[in-house]
C-alpha cells in the first residue's frame, strides 16, 4: 500500500481543498431516527464542513462477530457524504465526539449502540495507519454501507476496491 505523508491532524487548514468523505451511520438503541437527525445536524455544524447529504435510512438485522443476530435490536443504517476541508483525522475525532454525545459506549466488538459513525472513505486517500484505516476495511463487505452510498452517488468508488456497485454485486453473488 502506498503511504502518503500524514495529513496535519491538528490544524484544519482553511486552504485544504474540499473533499467528499463518506460516513456510515448506524444505530440500534433508543430513538434511532431522532439520533440520526441530531447527528446529521451536528455534522452540518462542524467547522470547515460545506455540505452533508444523507441517504434514506434502511433497517437491517444486527451484525455480530458470529454473523447476523435476529434476536438483537434491528439497526437503522444510512450513509452521509460530507464535503469538508477538515483533515481526515480531525473529522474522525469530531465523529467520535458526536458518538459520545449520543451515549456511545465501546464495551464489546460490534455491540449494540446508540450511534456508530464510521469514516468509510475520504476522497481517494488510502491509509493503513491503525488510527485511521482508509478506506474502512470492511466497507466492501457491508451492503448496509454500499446500498445507501450508491443511492447518493451511483458512480461511487471505494479506494483500492473499485466501483461500489461492482463490490455490491460481488457481495450479493457470494451469498
Protein backbone atom coordinates (compact mmCIF):
# COMPACT_ATOMS: atom_id res chain seq x y z
CA UNK A 1 0.00 0.00 0.00
CA UNK A 2 1.27 3.44 -0.84
CA UNK A 3 1.69 5.59 2.26
CA UNK A 4 1.14 9.28 1.84
CA UNK A 5 2.70 11.75 4.24
CA UNK A 6 0.40 12.15 7.22
CA UNK A 7 -2.10 14.95 6.95
CA UNK A 8 -1.93 17.52 9.67
CA UNK A 9 -4.20 16.09 12.41
CA UNK A 10 -4.30 19.27 14.46
CA UNK A 11 -4.63 22.22 12.11
CA UNK A 12 -7.80 22.04 9.97
CA UNK A 13 -6.36 24.50 7.45
CA UNK A 14 -8.88 26.54 5.50
CA UNK A 15 -6.84 26.27 2.29
CA UNK A 16 -7.30 22.49 2.12
CA UNK A 17 -9.34 21.59 -0.97
CA UNK A 18 -12.88 20.39 -0.22
CA UNK A 19 -13.05 16.60 -0.16
CA UNK A 20 -16.03 14.27 -0.07
CA UNK A 21 -15.88 11.97 2.94
CA UNK A 22 -18.22 9.01 3.23
CA UNK A 23 -19.61 8.42 6.73
CA UNK A 24 -21.72 5.39 7.63
CA UNK A 25 -24.31 5.89 10.36
CA UNK A 26 -25.73 3.04 12.44
CA UNK A 27 -27.96 2.81 15.50
CA UNK A 28 -29.96 0.05 17.15
CA UNK A 29 -30.73 1.56 20.56
CA UNK A 30 -33.07 4.36 21.55
CA UNK A 31 -34.87 6.65 19.12
CA UNK A 32 -32.73 5.76 16.12
CA UNK A 33 -34.29 8.28 13.69
CA UNK A 34 -34.01 11.19 16.14
CA UNK A 35 -30.41 10.22 16.86
CA UNK A 36 -29.65 10.22 13.11
CA UNK A 37 -31.31 13.59 12.63
CA UNK A 38 -29.34 15.08 15.53
CA UNK A 39 -26.04 13.56 14.36
CA UNK A 40 -26.52 14.87 10.81
CA UNK A 41 -27.26 18.36 12.14
CA UNK A 42 -24.13 18.17 14.29
CA UNK A 43 -22.07 17.16 11.24
CA UNK A 44 -23.52 20.12 9.32
CA UNK A 45 -22.40 22.49 12.10
CA UNK A 46 -18.79 21.25 12.14
CA UNK A 47 -16.16 23.80 11.15
CA UNK A 48 -14.99 23.58 7.55
CA UNK A 49 -17.91 21.36 6.54
CA UNK A 50 -19.53 22.74 3.40
CA UNK A 51 -22.30 20.20 2.82
CA UNK A 52 -23.80 17.00 4.23
CA UNK A 53 -26.01 14.77 2.10
CA UNK A 54 -27.76 11.85 3.79
CA UNK A 55 -29.22 8.71 2.23
CA UNK A 56 -32.57 7.21 3.03
CA UNK A 57 -32.17 5.13 6.23
CA UNK A 58 -32.51 1.36 5.87
CA UNK A 59 -33.32 -1.12 8.61
CA UNK A 60 -31.08 -4.17 8.93
CA UNK A 61 -30.52 -7.18 11.14
CA UNK A 62 -27.72 -6.70 13.68
CA UNK A 63 -24.32 -8.00 12.57
CA UNK A 64 -22.30 -9.62 15.37
CA UNK A 65 -18.86 -11.26 15.26
CA UNK A 66 -20.57 -14.64 14.78
CA UNK A 67 -22.89 -13.38 12.00
CA UNK A 68 -26.40 -12.00 11.84
CA UNK A 69 -28.27 -11.83 15.15
CA UNK A 70 -32.04 -11.85 14.67
CA UNK A 71 -32.55 -11.52 18.45
CA UNK A 72 -30.70 -8.19 18.77
CA UNK A 73 -32.47 -4.89 18.17
CA UNK A 74 -32.53 -4.04 14.46
CA UNK A 75 -30.21 -1.37 13.10
CA UNK A 76 -31.08 1.76 11.26
CA UNK A 77 -28.27 2.43 8.77
CA UNK A 78 -27.55 5.31 6.41
CA UNK A 79 -24.64 6.97 4.66
CA UNK A 80 -23.72 10.64 4.63
CA UNK A 81 -21.45 12.31 2.13
CA UNK A 82 -19.71 15.12 3.96
CA UNK A 83 -17.97 17.75 1.85
CA UNK A 84 -15.25 19.08 4.11
CA UNK A 85 -11.92 20.85 4.31
CA UNK A 86 -11.10 19.14 7.62
CA UNK A 87 -8.16 16.76 7.76
CA UNK A 88 -9.44 13.16 7.93
CA UNK A 89 -8.07 12.62 11.44
CA UNK A 90 -9.79 15.78 12.63
CA UNK A 91 -13.07 14.73 11.01
CA UNK A 92 -12.78 11.30 12.66
CA UNK A 93 -12.22 12.96 16.04
CA UNK A 94 -15.34 15.07 15.56
CA UNK A 95 -17.33 11.95 14.58
CA UNK A 96 -16.20 10.16 17.76
CA UNK A 97 -17.22 13.20 19.83
CA UNK A 98 -20.70 13.15 18.23
CA UNK A 99 -20.99 9.44 19.06
CA UNK A 100 -20.05 10.12 22.68
CA UNK A 101 -22.61 12.92 23.00
CA UNK A 102 -25.23 10.38 21.95
CA UNK A 103 -24.22 7.87 24.60
CA UNK A 104 -21.95 5.63 22.55
CA UNK A 105 -20.13 3.10 24.72
CA UNK A 106 -17.46 0.80 23.32
CA UNK A 107 -17.84 -2.27 25.53
CA UNK A 108 -17.86 -5.13 23.05
CA UNK A 109 -16.92 -5.75 19.44
CA UNK A 110 -19.92 -4.95 17.24
CA UNK A 111 -22.12 -4.45 20.29
CA UNK A 112 -25.47 -2.70 20.37
CA UNK A 113 -25.11 1.07 20.20
CA UNK A 114 -26.96 4.33 20.26
CA UNK A 115 -24.82 5.71 17.43
CA UNK A 116 -21.98 4.49 15.26
CA UNK A 117 -20.26 6.87 12.83
CA UNK A 118 -17.66 5.14 10.65
CA UNK A 119 -15.42 7.05 8.28
CA UNK A 120 -15.66 4.83 5.20
CA UNK A 121 -13.68 6.89 2.70
CA UNK A 122 -12.05 10.29 2.45
CA UNK A 123 -11.67 11.17 -1.21
CA UNK A 124 -9.21 8.70 -2.71
CA UNK A 125 -6.98 8.63 0.39
CA UNK A 126 -5.66 5.25 1.47
CA UNK A 127 -4.16 4.78 4.91
CA UNK A 128 -3.02 1.71 6.82
CA UNK A 129 -2.33 3.72 9.99
CA UNK A 130 -4.17 1.87 12.81
CA UNK A 131 -5.57 5.23 13.99
CA UNK A 132 -7.04 5.93 10.54
CA UNK A 133 -7.73 2.94 8.30
CA UNK A 134 -8.96 4.17 4.92
CA UNK A 135 -10.94 3.01 3.23
CA UNK A 136 -12.82 1.28 6.03
CA UNK A 137 -11.52 -2.31 5.92
CA UNK A 138 -14.97 -3.95 5.89
CA UNK A 139 -16.89 -1.45 3.73
CA UNK A 140 -16.91 -3.70 0.65
CA UNK A 141 -18.49 -6.48 2.74
CA UNK A 142 -21.41 -4.42 4.02
CA UNK A 143 -24.46 -3.99 1.85
CA UNK A 144 -25.86 -1.65 4.53
CA UNK A 145 -23.00 0.72 3.59
CA UNK A 146 -22.87 0.13 -0.17
CA UNK A 147 -26.61 0.40 -0.91
CA UNK A 148 -27.17 3.78 0.81
CA UNK A 149 -23.88 5.11 -0.59
CA UNK A 150 -24.94 4.18 -4.12
CA UNK A 151 -28.25 5.98 -3.56
CA UNK A 152 -26.28 9.20 -3.02
CA UNK A 153 -23.57 8.53 -5.61
CA UNK A 154 -24.31 5.90 -8.27
CA UNK A 155 -20.72 6.23 -9.51
CA UNK A 156 -19.14 5.77 -6.06
CA UNK A 157 -15.65 4.29 -5.94
CA UNK A 158 -14.16 2.64 -2.87
CA UNK A 159 -10.40 3.37 -3.00
CA UNK A 160 -8.36 0.22 -3.54
CA UNK A 161 -11.50 -1.81 -4.23
CA UNK A 162 -13.15 -0.17 -7.23
CA UNK A 163 -16.69 0.78 -8.04
CA UNK A 164 -19.13 0.38 -5.15
CA UNK A 165 -21.80 -1.10 -7.43
CA UNK A 166 -19.36 -3.83 -8.54
CA UNK A 167 -18.44 -4.51 -4.89
CA UNK A 168 -22.14 -4.82 -4.05
CA UNK A 169 -22.67 -7.21 -6.97
CA UNK A 170 -19.74 -9.40 -5.81
CA UNK A 171 -21.11 -9.37 -2.27
CA UNK A 172 -24.56 -10.47 -3.43
CA UNK A 173 -23.12 -13.19 -5.67
CA UNK A 174 -21.07 -14.58 -2.76
CA UNK A 175 -24.18 -15.23 -0.67
